[in-house]
Amino acid sequence: MPKVLIVDDDRDWVKVLGVRLKQAGFEVAAAMDAYQGVTLVHKESPDCIILDISMPAGGGMATLRNIHMTLQGQMIPVIVVSGALDAEKKEAFREAGANAFISKPCKAEEVVEAIRKALEGPDAG
């Protein structure tokens, strides 16, 4: 069962998304701030990460860079899900290693589909 780590400080969103991901057959771990997110990447070894941009204890960019400092972290697809996505931020996150972007508000099903696509890899299809 693939494991997804949600790194987002919006507790309600994490709860809703977590329930939907479990229904879709994923194991779920959650971090409510950037520091906890980086820690859980190494502890939980997720197959995919859902990352918000604005969070306590460091923002999404610092989190992404810290995740990608290790070989293990570089291999994990990261999907940025945020209400603060503009073209400039998308480009910066893409350059830092993000694989996909979803603007909030969004439906949990959009995230489920993005995770499935990310786990298939770039050569799938």
PDB file of N, CA and C in Angstrom:
ATOM      1  N   MET A   1       0.852  -1.174   0.000  1.00  0.00           N
ATOM      2  CA  MET A   1       0.000   0.000   0.000  1.00  0.00           C
ATOM      3  C   MET A   1       0.903   1.244   0.000  1.00  0.00           C
ATOM      4  N   PRO A   2       0.809   2.094  -1.005  1.00  0.00           N
ATOM      5  CA  PRO A   2       1.648   3.295  -1.062  1.00  0.00           C
ATOM      6  C   PRO A   2       1.338   4.249   0.096  1.00  0.00           C
ATOM      7  N   LYS A   3       2.397   4.870   0.615  1.00  0.00           N
ATOM      8  CA  LYS A   3       2.249   5.796   1.728  1.00  0.00           C
ATOM      9  C   LYS A   3       2.397   7.229   1.232  1.00  0.00           C
ATOM     10  N   VAL A   4       1.465   8.092   1.659  1.00  0.00           N
ATOM     11  CA  VAL A   4       1.482   9.508   1.299  1.00  0.00           C
ATOM     12  C   VAL A   4       1.684  10.325   2.569  1.00  0.00           C
ATOM     13  N   LEU A   5       2.606  11.264   2.501  1.00  0.00           N
ATOM     14  CA  LEU A   5       2.826  12.199   3.598  1.00  0.00           C
ATOM     15  C   LEU A   5       2.212  13.539   3.218  1.00  0.00           C
ATOM     16  N   ILE A   6       1.278  14.013   4.025  1.00  0.00           N
ATOM     17  CA  ILE A   6       0.667  15.335   3.828  1.00  0.00           C
ATOM     18  C   ILE A   6       1.378  16.305   4.755  1.00  0.00           C
ATOM     19  N   VAL A   7       1.957  17.364   4.199  1.00  0.00           N
ATOM     20  CA  VAL A   7       2.625  18.392   4.996  1.00  0.00           C
ATOM     21  C   VAL A   7       1.845  19.691   4.788  1.00  0.00           C
ATOM     22  N   ASP A   8       0.983  19.998   5.760  1.00  0.00           N
ATOM     23  CA  ASP A   8       0.076  21.148   5.631  1.00  0.00           C
ATOM     24  C   ASP A   8      -0.410  21.518   7.028  1.00  0.00           C
ATOM     25  N   ASP A   9      -0.509  22.813   7.313  1.00  0.00           N
ATOM     26  CA  ASP A   9      -0.935  23.256   8.648  1.00  0.00           C
ATOM     27  C   ASP A   9      -2.445  23.445   8.772  1.00  0.00           C
ATOM     28  N   ASP A  10      -3.198  23.207   7.714  1.00  0.00           N
ATOM     29  CA  ASP A  10      -4.657  23.314   7.753  1.00  0.00           C
ATOM     30  C   ASP A  10      -5.233  21.972   8.222  1.00  0.00           C
ATOM     31  N   ARG A  11      -5.519  21.882   9.518  1.00  0.00           N
ATOM     32  CA  ARG A  11      -5.959  20.610  10.112  1.00  0.00           C
ATOM     33  C   ARG A  11      -7.214  20.044   9.448  1.00  0.00           C
ATOM     34  N   ASP A  12      -8.168  20.900   9.120  1.00  0.00           N
ATOM     35  CA  ASP A  12      -9.400  20.420   8.482  1.00  0.00           C
ATOM     36  C   ASP A  12      -9.108  19.795   7.120  1.00  0.00           C
ATOM     37  N   TRP A  13      -8.271  20.449   6.328  1.00  0.00           N
ATOM     38  CA  TRP A  13      -7.908  19.940   5.003  1.00  0.00           C
ATOM     39  C   TRP A  13      -7.160  18.612   5.143  1.00  0.00           C
ATOM     40  N   VAL A  14      -6.230  18.547   6.084  1.00  0.00           N
ATOM     41  CA  VAL A  14      -5.465  17.317   6.295  1.00  0.00           C
ATOM     42  C   VAL A  14      -6.405  16.168   6.661  1.00  0.00           C
ATOM     43  N   LYS A  15      -7.388  16.453   7.499  1.00  0.00           N
ATOM     44  CA  LYS A  15      -8.342  15.423   7.915  1.00  0.00           C
ATOM     45  C   LYS A  15      -9.171  14.933   6.726  1.00  0.00           C
ATOM     46  N   VAL A  16      -9.741  15.871   5.955  1.00  0.00           N
ATOM     47  CA  VAL A  16     -10.565  15.517   4.794  1.00  0.00           C
ATOM     48  C   VAL A  16      -9.740  14.750   3.764  1.00  0.00           C
ATOM     49  N   LEU A  17      -8.563  15.283   3.445  1.00  0.00           N
ATOM     50  CA  LEU A  17      -7.714  14.632   2.447  1.00  0.00           C
ATOM     51  C   LEU A  17      -7.245  13.267   2.940  1.00  0.00           C
ATOM     52  N   GLY A  18      -6.891  13.169   4.213  1.00  0.00           N
ATOM     53  CA  GLY A  18      -6.451  11.892   4.770  1.00  0.00           C
ATOM     54  C   GLY A  18      -7.509  10.813   4.647  1.00  0.00           C
ATOM     55  N   VAL A  19      -8.748  11.159   4.958  1.00  0.00           N
ATOM     56  CA  VAL A  19      -9.854  10.198   4.840  1.00  0.00           C
ATOM     57  C   VAL A  19     -10.001   9.747   3.388  1.00  0.00           C
ATOM     58  N   ARG A  20      -9.979  10.688   2.471  1.00  0.00           N
ATOM     59  CA  ARG A  20     -10.145  10.352   1.042  1.00  0.00           C
ATOM     60  C   ARG A  20      -8.993   9.489   0.527  1.00  0.00           C
ATOM     61  N   LEU A  21      -7.778   9.807   0.966  1.00  0.00           N
ATOM     62  CA  LEU A  21      -6.626   9.013   0.535  1.00  0.00           C
ATOM     63  C   LEU A  21      -6.713   7.585   1.071  1.00  0.00           C
ATOM     64  N   LYS A  22      -7.144   7.429   2.311  1.00  0.00           N
ATOM     65  CA  LYS A  22      -7.306   6.084   2.873  1.00  0.00           C
ATOM     66  C   LYS A  22      -8.366   5.310   2.103  1.00  0.00           C
ATOM     67  N   GLN A  23      -9.466   5.990   1.738  1.00  0.00           N
ATOM     68  CA  GLN A  23     -10.519   5.343   0.940  1.00  0.00           C
ATOM     69  C   GLN A  23      -9.981   4.902  -0.416  1.00  0.00           C
ATOM     70  N   ALA A  24      -8.999   5.648  -0.944  1.00  0.00           N
ATOM     71  CA  ALA A  24      -8.422   5.339  -2.250  1.00  0.00           C
ATOM     72  C   ALA A  24      -7.320   4.283  -2.161  1.00  0.00           C
ATOM     73  N   GLY A  25      -7.048   3.796  -0.942  1.00  0.00           N
ATOM     74  CA  GLY A  25      -6.079   2.720  -0.792  1.00  0.00           C
ATOM     75  C   GLY A  25      -4.678   3.141  -0.422  1.00  0.00           C
ATOM     76  N   PHE A  26      -4.512   4.359   0.071  1.00  0.00           N
ATOM     77  CA  PHE A  26      -3.199   4.837   0.480  1.00  0.00           C
ATOM     78  C   PHE A  26      -3.067   4.797   1.999  1.00  0.00           C
ATOM     79  N   GLU A  27      -1.856   4.564   2.461  1.00  0.00           N
ATOM     80  CA  GLU A  27      -1.526   4.753   3.862  1.00  0.00           C
ATOM     81  C   GLU A  27      -1.178   6.236   4.002  1.00  0.00           C
ATOM     82  N   VAL A  28      -1.547   6.868   5.108  1.00  0.00           N
ATOM     83  CA  VAL A  28      -1.379   8.313   5.247  1.00  0.00           C
ATOM     84  C   VAL A  28      -0.623   8.666   6.520  1.00  0.00           C
ATOM     85  N   ALA A  29       0.319   9.589   6.382  1.00  0.00           N
ATOM     86  CA  ALA A  29       0.993  10.222   7.514  1.00  0.00           C
ATOM     87  C   ALA A  29       0.822  11.717   7.320  1.00  0.00           C
ATOM     88  N   ALA A  30       0.816  12.470   8.415  1.00  0.00           N
ATOM     89  CA  ALA A  30       0.609  13.911   8.298  1.00  0.00           C
ATOM     90  C   ALA A  30       1.560  14.674   9.200  1.00  0.00           C
ATOM     91  N   ALA A  31       1.997  15.826   8.702  1.00  0.00           N
ATOM     92  CA  ALA A  31       2.831  16.757   9.455  1.00  0.00           C
ATOM     93  C   ALA A  31       2.174  18.118   9.393  1.00  0.00           C
ATOM     94  N   MET A  32       2.136  18.805  10.527  1.00  0.00           N
ATOM     95  CA  MET A  32       1.444  20.089  10.595  1.00  0.00           C
ATOM     96  C   MET A  32       2.369  21.288  10.413  1.00  0.00           C
ATOM     97  N   ASP A  33       3.674  21.046  10.280  1.00  0.00           N
ATOM     98  CA  ASP A  33       4.599  22.142   9.999  1.00  0.00           C
ATOM     99  C   ASP A  33       5.794  21.602   9.208  1.00  0.00           C
ATOM    100  N   ALA A  34       6.625  22.513   8.747  1.00  0.00           N
ATOM    101  CA  ALA A  34       7.742  22.146   7.881  1.00  0.00           C
ATOM    102  C   ALA A  34       8.753  21.249   8.579  1.00  0.00           C
ATOM    103  N   TYR A  35       9.093  21.572   9.811  1.00  0.00           N
ATOM    104  CA  TYR A  35      10.071  20.778  10.551  1.00  0.00           C
ATOM    105  C   TYR A  35       9.599  19.334  10.703  1.00  0.00           C
ATOM    106  N   GLN A  36       8.355  19.170  11.138  1.00  0.00           N
ATOM    107  CA  GLN A  36       7.796  17.835  11.318  1.00  0.00           C
ATOM    108  C   GLN A  36       7.740  17.100   9.974  1.00  0.00           C
ATOM    109  N   GLY A  37       7.452  17.842   8.903  1.00  0.00           N
ATOM    110  CA  GLY A  37       7.399  17.234   7.579  1.00  0.00           C
ATOM    111  C   GLY A  37       8.718  16.615   7.171  1.00  0.00           C
ATOM    112  N   VAL A  38       9.807  17.362   7.339  1.00  0.00           N
ATOM    113  CA  VAL A  38      11.129  16.846   6.981  1.00  0.00           C
ATOM    114  C   VAL A  38      11.476  15.643   7.853  1.00  0.00           C
ATOM    115  N   THR A  39      11.159  15.731   9.139  1.00  0.00           N
ATOM    116  CA  THR A  39      11.427  14.625  10.057  1.00  0.00           C
ATOM    117  C   THR A  39      10.676  13.367   9.629  1.00  0.00           C
ATOM    118  N   LEU A  40       9.410  13.524   9.272  1.00  0.00           N
ATOM    119  CA  LEU A  40       8.598  12.362   8.897  1.00  0.00           C
ATOM    120  C   LEU A  40       9.002  11.748   7.557  1.00  0.00           C
ATOM    121  N   VAL A  41       9.589  12.539   6.676  1.00  0.00           N
ATOM    122  CA  VAL A  41      10.076  11.968   5.417  1.00  0.00           C
ATOM    123  C   VAL A  41      11.076  10.861   5.724  1.00  0.00           C
ATOM    124  N   HIS A  42      11.959  11.120   6.667  1.00  0.00           N
ATOM    125  CA  HIS A  42      12.995  10.134   6.997  1.00  0.00           C
ATOM    126  C   HIS A  42      12.456   9.005   7.870  1.00  0.00           C
ATOM    127  N   LYS A  43      11.478   9.310   8.713  1.00  0.00           N
ATOM    128  CA  LYS A  43      10.910   8.298   9.611  1.00  0.00           C
ATOM    129  C   LYS A  43       9.924   7.381   8.899  1.00  0.00           C
ATOM    130  N   GLU A  44       9.073   7.963   8.040  1.00  0.00           N
ATOM    131  CA  GLU A  44       7.978   7.224   7.415  1.00  0.00           C
ATOM    132  C   GLU A  44       8.296   6.675   6.023  1.00  0.00           C
ATOM    133  N   SER A  45       9.317   7.212   5.363  1.00  0.00           N
ATOM    134  CA  SER A  45       9.666   6.805   3.994  1.00  0.00           C
ATOM    135  C   SER A  45       8.452   6.783   3.070  1.00  0.00           C
ATOM    136  N   PRO A  46       7.802   7.941   2.878  1.00  0.00           N
ATOM    137  CA  PRO A  46       6.607   7.964   2.025  1.00  0.00           C
ATOM    138  C   PRO A  46       6.941   7.737   0.560  1.00  0.00           C
ATOM    139  N   ASP A  47       5.925   7.320  -0.183  1.00  0.00           N
ATOM    140  CA  ASP A  47       6.063   7.134  -1.623  1.00  0.00           C
ATOM    141  C   ASP A  47       5.740   8.418  -2.382  1.00  0.00           C
ATOM    142  N   CYS A  48       5.030   9.345  -1.720  1.00  0.00           N
ATOM    143  CA  CYS A  48       4.639  10.613  -2.334  1.00  0.00           C
ATOM    144  C   CYS A  48       4.411  11.624  -1.209  1.00  0.00           C
ATOM    145  N   ILE A  49       4.669  12.901  -1.506  1.00  0.00           N
ATOM    146  CA  ILE A  49       4.480  13.965  -0.524  1.00  0.00           C
ATOM    147  C   ILE A  49       3.545  15.018  -1.089  1.00  0.00           C
ATOM    148  N   ILE A  50       2.551  15.412  -0.279  1.00  0.00           N
ATOM    149  CA  ILE A  50       1.664  16.529  -0.601  1.00  0.00           C
ATOM    150  C   ILE A  50       2.157  17.691   0.257  1.00  0.00           C
ATOM    151  N   LEU A  51       2.552  18.792  -0.370  1.00  0.00           N
ATOM    152  CA  LEU A  51       3.225  19.882   0.330  1.00  0.00           C
ATOM    153  C   LEU A  51       2.516  21.210   0.134  1.00  0.00           C
ATOM    154  N   ASP A  52       2.232  21.884   1.247  1.00  0.00           N
ATOM    155  CA  ASP A  52       1.694  23.238   1.222  1.00  0.00           C
ATOM    156  C   ASP A  52       2.869  24.213   1.156  1.00  0.00           C
ATOM    157  N   ILE A  53       2.607  25.441   0.726  1.00  0.00           N
ATOM    158  CA  ILE A  53       3.662  26.445   0.622  1.00  0.00           C
ATOM    159  C   ILE A  53       3.861  27.196   1.928  1.00  0.00           C
ATOM    160  N   SER A  54       2.776  27.657   2.538  1.00  0.00           N
ATOM    161  CA  SER A  54       2.872  28.503   3.731  1.00  0.00           C
ATOM    162  C   SER A  54       2.558  27.687   4.984  1.00  0.00           C
ATOM    163  N   MET A  55       3.596  27.529   5.824  1.00  0.00           N
ATOM    164  CA  MET A  55       3.437  26.751   7.055  1.00  0.00           C
ATOM    165  C   MET A  55       4.351  27.298   8.136  1.00  0.00           C
ATOM    166  N   PRO A  56       4.017  26.990   9.388  1.00  0.00           N
ATOM    167  CA  PRO A  56       4.928  27.341  10.477  1.00  0.00           C
ATOM    168  C   PRO A  56       6.221  26.520  10.410  1.00  0.00           C
ATOM    169  N   ALA A  57       7.248  26.998  11.083  1.00  0.00           N
ATOM    170  CA  ALA A  57       8.548  26.312  11.210  1.00  0.00           C
ATOM    171  C   ALA A  57       9.246  26.149   9.870  1.00  0.00           C
ATOM    172  N   GLY A  58       9.060  27.101   8.969  1.00  0.00           N
ATOM    173  CA  GLY A  58       9.690  27.043   7.649  1.00  0.00           C
ATOM    174  C   GLY A  58       8.637  26.853   6.586  1.00  0.00           C
ATOM    175  N   GLY A  59       8.786  27.484   5.476  1.00  0.00           N
ATOM    176  CA  GLY A  59       7.801  27.372   4.404  1.00  0.00           C
ATOM    177  C   GLY A  59       8.026  26.159   3.531  1.00  0.00           C
ATOM    178  N   GLY A  60       7.192  26.040   2.528  1.00  0.00           N
ATOM    179  CA  GLY A  60       7.247  24.906   1.619  1.00  0.00           C
ATOM    180  C   GLY A  60       8.538  24.805   0.839  1.00  0.00           C
ATOM    181  N   MET A  61       9.115  25.941   0.442  1.00  0.00           N
ATOM    182  CA  MET A  61      10.357  25.900  -0.325  1.00  0.00           C
ATOM    183  C   MET A  61      11.497  25.339   0.523  1.00  0.00           C
ATOM    184  N   ALA A  62      11.620  25.807   1.764  1.00  0.00           N
ATOM    185  CA  ALA A  62      12.666  25.285   2.649  1.00  0.00           C
ATOM    186  C   ALA A  62      12.439  23.801   2.912  1.00  0.00           C
ATOM    187  N   THR A  63      11.185  23.419   3.058  1.00  0.00           N
ATOM    188  CA  THR A  63      10.851  22.015   3.287  1.00  0.00           C
ATOM    189  C   THR A  63      11.277  21.171   2.091  1.00  0.00           C
ATOM    190  N   LEU A  64      10.930  21.615   0.899  1.00  0.00           N
ATOM    191  CA  LEU A  64      11.290  20.876  -0.315  1.00  0.00           C
ATOM    192  C   LEU A  64      12.804  20.752  -0.445  1.00  0.00           C
ATOM    193  N   ARG A  65      13.514  21.831  -0.210  1.00  0.00           N
ATOM    194  CA  ARG A  65      14.983  21.779  -0.298  1.00  0.00           C
ATOM    195  C   ARG A  65      15.565  20.820   0.734  1.00  0.00           C
ATOM    196  N   ASN A  66      15.036  20.849   1.955  1.00  0.00           N
ATOM    197  CA  ASN A  66      15.537  19.939   2.992  1.00  0.00           C
ATOM    198  C   ASN A  66      15.230  18.482   2.661  1.00  0.00           C
ATOM    199  N   ILE A  67      14.065  18.235   2.095  1.00  0.00           N
ATOM    200  CA  ILE A  67      13.706  16.870   1.689  1.00  0.00           C
ATOM    201  C   ILE A  67      14.669  16.372   0.615  1.00  0.00           C
ATOM    202  N   HIS A  68      14.992  17.252  -0.330  1.00  0.00           N
ATOM    203  CA  HIS A  68      15.840  16.855  -1.455  1.00  0.00           C
ATOM    204  C   HIS A  68      17.331  16.855  -1.148  1.00  0.00           C
ATOM    205  N   MET A  69      17.694  17.129   0.105  1.00  0.00           N
ATOM    206  CA  MET A  69      19.109  17.078   0.487  1.00  0.00           C
ATOM    207  C   MET A  69      19.617  15.641   0.590  1.00  0.00           C
ATOM    208  N   THR A  70      18.707  14.689   0.685  1.00  0.00           N
ATOM    209  CA  THR A  70      19.107  13.286   0.780  1.00  0.00           C
ATOM    210  C   THR A  70      18.701  12.558  -0.497  1.00  0.00           C
ATOM    211  N   LEU A  71      19.410  11.500  -0.799  1.00  0.00           N
ATOM    212  CA  LEU A  71      19.086  10.706  -1.982  1.00  0.00           C
ATOM    213  C   LEU A  71      17.681  10.130  -1.861  1.00  0.00           C
ATOM    214  N   GLN A  72      17.333   9.653  -0.657  1.00  0.00           N
ATOM    215  CA  GLN A  72      15.987   9.117  -0.415  1.00  0.00           C
ATOM    216  C   GLN A  72      14.938  10.175  -0.760  1.00  0.00           C
ATOM    217  N   GLY A  73      15.134  11.393  -0.284  1.00  0.00           N
ATOM    218  CA  GLY A  73      14.180  12.475  -0.519  1.00  0.00           C
ATOM    219  C   GLY A  73      14.067  12.866  -1.985  1.00  0.00           C
ATOM    220  N   GLN A  74      15.160  12.774  -2.712  1.00  0.00           N
ATOM    221  CA  GLN A  74      15.150  13.145  -4.130  1.00  0.00           C
ATOM    222  C   GLN A  74      14.301  12.193  -4.970  1.00  0.00           C
ATOM    223  N   MET A  75      14.105  10.996  -4.468  1.00  0.00           N
ATOM    224  CA  MET A  75      13.368   9.989  -5.225  1.00  0.00           C
ATOM    225  C   MET A  75      11.856  10.049  -5.000  1.00  0.00           C
ATOM    226  N   ILE A  76      11.409  10.888  -4.056  1.00  0.00           N
ATOM    227  CA  ILE A  76       9.989  10.934  -3.700  1.00  0.00           C
ATOM    228  C   ILE A  76       9.296  12.043  -4.486  1.00  0.00           C
ATOM    229  N   PRO A  77       8.237  11.723  -5.239  1.00  0.00           N
ATOM    230  CA  PRO A  77       7.505  12.774  -5.944  1.00  0.00           C
ATOM    231  C   PRO A  77       6.825  13.719  -4.942  1.00  0.00           C
ATOM    232  N   VAL A  78       6.887  15.012  -5.240  1.00  0.00           N
ATOM    233  CA  VAL A  78       6.284  16.036  -4.389  1.00  0.00           C
ATOM    234  C   VAL A  78       5.234  16.787  -5.194  1.00  0.00           C
ATOM    235  N   ILE A  79       4.021  16.837  -4.645  1.00  0.00           N
ATOM    236  CA  ILE A  79       2.926  17.577  -5.263  1.00  0.00           C
ATOM    237  C   ILE A  79       2.620  18.767  -4.369  1.00  0.00           C
ATOM    238  N   VAL A  80       2.786  19.963  -4.914  1.00  0.00           N
ATOM    239  CA  VAL A  80       2.511  21.185  -4.167  1.00  0.00           C
ATOM    240  C   VAL A  80       1.026  21.495  -4.298  1.00  0.00           C
ATOM    241  N   VAL A  81       0.339  21.598  -3.157  1.00  0.00           N
ATOM    242  CA  VAL A  81      -1.084  21.923  -3.125  1.00  0.00           C
ATOM    243  C   VAL A  81      -1.223  23.168  -2.259  1.00  0.00           C
ATOM    244  N   SER A  82      -1.576  24.291  -2.889  1.00  0.00           N
ATOM    245  CA  SER A  82      -1.586  25.553  -2.145  1.00  0.00           C
ATOM    246  C   SER A  82      -2.535  26.555  -2.776  1.00  0.00           C
ATOM    247  N   GLY A  83      -3.005  27.468  -1.957  1.00  0.00           N
ATOM    248  CA  GLY A  83      -3.827  28.564  -2.447  1.00  0.00           C
ATOM    249  C   GLY A  83      -2.987  29.743  -2.885  1.00  0.00           C
ATOM    250  N   ALA A  84      -1.669  29.623  -2.764  1.00  0.00           N
ATOM    251  CA  ALA A  84      -0.773  30.738  -3.075  1.00  0.00           C
ATOM    252  C   ALA A  84       0.126  30.430  -4.268  1.00  0.00           C
ATOM    253  N   LEU A  85      -0.429  29.782  -5.280  1.00  0.00           N
ATOM    254  CA  LEU A  85       0.368  29.408  -6.449  1.00  0.00           C
ATOM    255  C   LEU A  85       0.200  30.421  -7.580  1.00  0.00           C
ATOM    256  N   ASP A  86       1.300  31.036  -7.957  1.00  0.00           N
ATOM    257  CA  ASP A  86       1.297  31.854  -9.167  1.00  0.00           C
ATOM    258  C   ASP A  86       2.407  31.297 -10.067  1.00  0.00           C
ATOM    259  N   ALA A  87       2.537  31.827 -11.262  1.00  0.00           N
ATOM    260  CA  ALA A  87       3.498  31.280 -12.228  1.00  0.00           C
ATOM    261  C   ALA A  87       4.927  31.334 -11.689  1.00  0.00           C
ATOM    262  N   GLU A  88       5.266  32.412 -11.016  1.00  0.00           N
ATOM    263  CA  GLU A  88       6.623  32.566 -10.477  1.00  0.00           C
ATOM    264  C   GLU A  88       6.916  31.516  -9.401  1.00  0.00           C
ATOM    265  N   LYS A  89       5.959  31.303  -8.503  1.00  0.00           N
ATOM    266  CA  LYS A  89       6.154  30.301  -7.455  1.00  0.00           C
ATOM    267  C   LYS A  89       6.210  28.894  -8.048  1.00  0.00           C
ATOM    268  N   LYS A  90       5.355  28.622  -9.017  1.00  0.00           N
ATOM    269  CA  LYS A  90       5.379  27.301  -9.650  1.00  0.00           C
ATOM    270  C   LYS A  90       6.749  27.029 -10.263  1.00  0.00           C
ATOM    271  N   GLU A  91       7.289  28.003 -10.948  1.00  0.00           N
ATOM    272  CA  GLU A  91       8.594  27.832 -11.585  1.00  0.00           C
ATOM    273  C   GLU A  91       9.688  27.601 -10.547  1.00  0.00           C
ATOM    274  N   ALA A  92       9.661  28.363  -9.456  1.00  0.00           N
ATOM    275  CA  ALA A  92      10.657  28.196  -8.394  1.00  0.00           C
ATOM    276  C   ALA A  92      10.551  26.808  -7.760  1.00  0.00           C
ATOM    277  N   PHE A  93       9.329  26.355  -7.508  1.00  0.00           N
ATOM    278  CA  PHE A  93       9.145  25.035  -6.918  1.00  0.00           C
ATOM    279  C   PHE A  93       9.505  23.932  -7.916  1.00  0.00           C
ATOM    280  N   ARG A  94       9.219  24.142  -9.180  1.00  0.00           N
ATOM    281  CA  ARG A  94       9.585  23.155 -10.210  1.00  0.00           C
ATOM    282  C   ARG A  94      11.113  23.017 -10.257  1.00  0.00           C
ATOM    283  N   GLU A  95      11.816  24.141 -10.226  1.00  0.00           N
ATOM    284  CA  GLU A  95      13.279  24.122 -10.240  1.00  0.00           C
ATOM    285  C   GLU A  95      13.841  23.445  -8.990  1.00  0.00           C
ATOM    286  N   ALA A  96      13.122  23.543  -7.871  1.00  0.00           N
ATOM    287  CA  ALA A  96      13.564  22.923  -6.620  1.00  0.00           C
ATOM    288  C   ALA A  96      13.204  21.436  -6.558  1.00  0.00           C
ATOM    289  N   GLY A  97      12.424  20.949  -7.524  1.00  0.00           N
ATOM    290  CA  GLY A  97      12.145  19.523  -7.591  1.00  0.00           C
ATOM    291  C   GLY A  97      10.698  19.094  -7.438  1.00  0.00           C
ATOM    292  N   ALA A  98       9.757  20.041  -7.358  1.00  0.00           N
ATOM    293  CA  ALA A  98       8.346  19.651  -7.270  1.00  0.00           C
ATOM    294  C   ALA A  98       7.909  19.011  -8.585  1.00  0.00           C
ATOM    295  N   ASN A  99       7.029  18.025  -8.484  1.00  0.00           N
ATOM    296  CA  ASN A  99       6.594  17.283  -9.664  1.00  0.00           C
ATOM    297  C   ASN A  99       5.271  17.749 -10.244  1.00  0.00           C
ATOM    298  N   ALA A 100       4.387  18.290  -9.389  1.00  0.00           N
ATOM    299  CA  ALA A 100       3.063  18.699  -9.863  1.00  0.00           C
ATOM    300  C   ALA A 100       2.512  19.768  -8.931  1.00  0.00           C
ATOM    301  N   PHE A 101       1.482  20.465  -9.423  1.00  0.00           N
ATOM    302  CA  PHE A 101       0.890  21.573  -8.680  1.00  0.00           C
ATOM    303  C   PHE A 101      -0.626  21.502  -8.762  1.00  0.00           C
ATOM    304  N   ILE A 102      -1.269  21.776  -7.618  1.00  0.00           N
ATOM    305  CA  ILE A 102      -2.725  21.869  -7.571  1.00  0.00           C
ATOM    306  C   ILE A 102      -3.054  23.103  -6.750  1.00  0.00           C
ATOM    307  N   SER A 103      -3.913  23.955  -7.293  1.00  0.00           N
ATOM    308  CA  SER A 103      -4.314  25.174  -6.579  1.00  0.00           C
ATOM    309  C   SER A 103      -5.498  24.888  -5.672  1.00  0.00           C
ATOM    310  N   LYS A 104      -5.408  25.394  -4.431  1.00  0.00           N
ATOM    311  CA  LYS A 104      -6.542  25.345  -3.504  1.00  0.00           C
ATOM    312  C   LYS A 104      -7.422  26.542  -3.804  1.00  0.00           C
ATOM    313  N   PRO A 105      -8.704  26.442  -3.635  1.00  0.00           N
ATOM    314  CA  PRO A 105      -9.420  25.253  -3.183  1.00  0.00           C
ATOM    315  C   PRO A 105      -9.481  24.199  -4.283  1.00  0.00           C
ATOM    316  N   CYS A 106      -9.443  22.960  -3.861  1.00  0.00           N
ATOM    317  CA  CYS A 106      -9.523  21.850  -4.811  1.00  0.00           C
ATOM    318  C   CYS A 106     -10.272  20.709  -4.143  1.00  0.00           C
ATOM    319  N   LYS A 107     -10.611  19.740  -4.942  1.00  0.00           N
ATOM    320  CA  LYS A 107     -11.278  18.550  -4.409  1.00  0.00           C
ATOM    321  C   LYS A 107     -10.220  17.504  -4.087  1.00  0.00           C
ATOM    322  N   ALA A 108     -10.475  16.733  -3.052  1.00  0.00           N
ATOM    323  CA  ALA A 108      -9.546  15.675  -2.660  1.00  0.00           C
ATOM    324  C   ALA A 108      -9.287  14.714  -3.819  1.00  0.00           C
ATOM    325  N   GLU A 109     -10.296  14.498  -4.657  1.00  0.00           N
ATOM    326  CA  GLU A 109     -10.147  13.579  -5.786  1.00  0.00           C
ATOM    327  C   GLU A 109      -9.067  14.060  -6.763  1.00  0.00           C
ATOM    328  N   GLU A 110      -8.919  15.380  -6.922  1.00  0.00           N
ATOM    329  CA  GLU A 110      -7.846  15.912  -7.780  1.00  0.00           C
ATOM    330  C   GLU A 110      -6.484  15.505  -7.241  1.00  0.00           C
ATOM    331  N   VAL A 111      -6.355  15.536  -5.933  1.00  0.00           N
ATOM    332  CA  VAL A 111      -5.095  15.164  -5.298  1.00  0.00           C
ATOM    333  C   VAL A 111      -4.851  13.664  -5.453  1.00  0.00           C
ATOM    334  N   VAL A 112      -5.882  12.865  -5.273  1.00  0.00           N
ATOM    335  CA  VAL A 112      -5.764  11.414  -5.449  1.00  0.00           C
ATOM    336  C   VAL A 112      -5.258  11.103  -6.859  1.00  0.00           C
ATOM    337  N   GLU A 113      -5.843  11.733  -7.855  1.00  0.00           N
ATOM    338  CA  GLU A 113      -5.423  11.492  -9.242  1.00  0.00           C
ATOM    339  C   GLU A 113      -3.992  11.939  -9.483  1.00  0.00           C
ATOM    340  N   ALA A 114      -3.603  13.074  -8.920  1.00  0.00           N
ATOM    341  CA  ALA A 114      -2.229  13.565  -9.070  1.00  0.00           C
ATOM    342  C   ALA A 114      -1.232  12.606  -8.418  1.00  0.00           C
ATOM    343  N   ILE A 115      -1.597  12.045  -7.282  1.00  0.00           N
ATOM    344  CA  ILE A 115      -0.726  11.080  -6.603  1.00  0.00           C
ATOM    345  C   ILE A 115      -0.572   9.829  -7.469  1.00  0.00           C
ATOM    346  N   ARG A 116      -1.674   9.325  -7.971  1.00  0.00           N
ATOM    347  CA  ARG A 116      -1.607   8.115  -8.827  1.00  0.00           C
ATOM    348  C   ARG A 116      -0.709   8.363 -10.030  1.00  0.00           C
ATOM    349  N   LYS A 117      -0.868   9.506 -10.639  1.00  0.00           N
ATOM    350  CA  LYS A 117      -0.051   9.865 -11.809  1.00  0.00           C
ATOM    351  C   LYS A 117       1.430   9.966 -11.418  1.00  0.00           C
ATOM    352  N   ALA A 118       1.704  10.610 -10.276  1.00  0.00           N
ATOM    353  CA  ALA A 118       3.095  10.769  -9.823  1.00  0.00           C
ATOM    354  C   ALA A 118       3.734   9.414  -9.510  1.00  0.00           C
ATOM    355  N   LEU A 119       2.958   8.501  -8.947  1.00  0.00           N
ATOM    356  CA  LEU A 119       3.497   7.199  -8.592  1.00  0.00           C
ATOM    357  C   LEU A 119       3.732   6.311  -9.823  1.00  0.00           C
ATOM    358  N   GLU A 120       3.025   6.600 -10.901  1.00  0.00           N
ATOM    359  CA  GLU A 120       3.250   5.866 -12.148  1.00  0.00           C
ATOM    360  C   GLU A 120       4.600   6.229 -12.740  1.00  0.00           C
ATOM    361  N   GLY A 121       5.078   7.431 -12.444  1.00  0.00           N
ATOM    362  CA  GLY A 121       6.394   7.864 -12.932  1.00  0.00           C
ATOM    363  C   GLY A 121       6.301   8.551 -14.270  1.00  0.00           C
ATOM    364  N   PRO A 122       7.387   9.203 -14.654  1.00  0.00           N
ATOM    365  CA  PRO A 122       7.402   9.990 -15.892  1.00  0.00           C
ATOM    366  C   PRO A 122       7.322   9.157 -17.166  1.00  0.00           C
ATOM    367  N   ASP A 123       7.665   7.876 -17.064  1.00  0.00           N
ATOM    368  CA  ASP A 123       7.664   7.030 -18.255  1.00  0.00           C
ATOM    369  C   ASP A 123       6.376   6.253 -18.441  1.00  0.00           C
ATOM    370  N   ALA A 124       5.427   6.421 -17.507  1.00  0.00           N
ATOM    371  CA  ALA A 124       4.169   5.676 -17.593  1.00  0.00           C
ATOM    372  C   ALA A 124       3.278   6.252 -18.682  1.00  0.00           C
ATOM    373  N   GLY A 125       2.410   5.426 -19.178  1.00  0.00           N
ATOM    374  CA  GLY A 125       1.430   5.899 -20.143  1.00  0.00           C
ATOM    375  C   GLY A 125       1.767   5.411 -21.477  1.00  0.00           C
TER     376      GLY A 125
END
